[in-house]
Amino acid sequence: MVLECENLASNRKFCNCTYERCSRKGNCCACIQYHLSLRELPACAFPDEVEKSWDRSFRKFIETYK
């Protein structure tokens, strides 16, 4: 189930997800729900250079920000 988002257009301006086919771009609630279900974080939790690796693990988050 994909949640609707009132702020989709404005959120997309700030979404740094590089996965082109992502259906959740700009839909932050759906994105967070999806990534947490996979035990990972969404793209916006990472700097652009790190996000490009698509390693969205909690381990990568800690490594990036420690």
Protein backbone atom coordinates (compact mmCIF):
# COMPACT_ATOMS: atom_id res chain seq x y z
CA MET A 1 0.00 0.00 0.00
CA VAL A 2 1.48 3.36 -1.03
CA LEU A 3 0.48 6.31 1.11
CA GLU A 4 -0.69 9.51 -0.58
CA CYS A 5 1.40 12.65 -0.05
CA GLU A 6 0.18 16.25 -0.13
CA ASN A 7 3.76 17.54 -0.40
CA LEU A 8 4.96 15.32 -3.24
CA ALA A 9 6.03 18.13 -5.59
CA SER A 10 7.94 20.11 -2.96
CA ASN A 11 9.51 16.97 -1.46
CA ARG A 12 10.85 15.88 -4.85
CA LYS A 13 12.96 19.04 -4.99
CA PHE A 14 14.95 17.77 -2.00
CA CYS A 15 14.92 14.02 -2.67
CA ASN A 16 18.46 12.82 -3.37
CA CYS A 17 17.53 9.24 -4.28
CA THR A 18 19.50 8.16 -7.36
CA TYR A 19 17.38 5.06 -8.05
CA GLU A 20 15.61 6.27 -11.19
CA ARG A 21 12.72 3.79 -11.11
CA CYS A 22 11.80 4.53 -7.50
CA SER A 23 8.04 5.00 -7.18
CA ARG A 24 8.39 6.63 -3.75
CA LYS A 25 10.47 9.70 -4.72
CA GLY A 26 9.09 12.66 -2.81
CA ASN A 27 6.67 10.51 -0.85
CA CYS A 28 8.66 10.57 2.39
CA CYS A 29 6.19 8.59 4.50
CA ALA A 30 6.09 5.73 2.00
CA CYS A 31 9.86 5.89 1.50
CA ILE A 32 10.68 5.69 5.20
CA GLN A 33 8.14 2.90 5.72
CA TYR A 34 9.64 0.93 2.81
CA HIS A 35 13.28 1.31 3.84
CA LEU A 36 12.69 0.60 7.51
CA SER A 37 10.89 -2.61 6.50
CA LEU A 38 14.18 -3.60 4.81
CA ARG A 39 16.13 -2.62 7.94
CA GLU A 40 17.80 0.30 6.21
CA LEU A 41 17.48 4.08 5.93
CA PRO A 42 16.27 6.19 2.98
CA ALA A 43 18.59 8.15 0.69
CA CYS A 44 17.96 11.43 2.48
CA ALA A 45 19.75 10.09 5.56
CA PHE A 46 23.03 10.12 3.60
CA PRO A 47 25.20 12.69 1.84
CA ASP A 48 24.93 12.53 -1.97
CA GLU A 49 28.30 10.82 -2.47
CA VAL A 50 27.45 8.05 0.01
CA GLU A 51 23.90 7.64 -1.29
CA LYS A 52 25.22 6.82 -4.76
CA SER A 53 26.58 3.53 -3.39
CA TRP A 54 23.00 2.46 -2.57
CA ASP A 55 24.35 1.08 0.72
CA ARG A 56 21.59 2.35 2.98
CA SER A 57 22.44 0.15 5.95
CA PHE A 58 22.49 1.36 9.54
CA ARG A 59 26.15 0.35 9.58
CA LYS A 60 26.91 2.69 6.65
CA PHE A 61 24.99 5.49 8.39
CA ILE A 62 27.07 5.09 11.55
CA GLU A 63 30.30 4.83 9.54
CA THR A 64 29.40 8.02 7.66
CA TYR A 65 28.54 10.13 10.68
CA LYS A 66 30.84 8.89 13.46
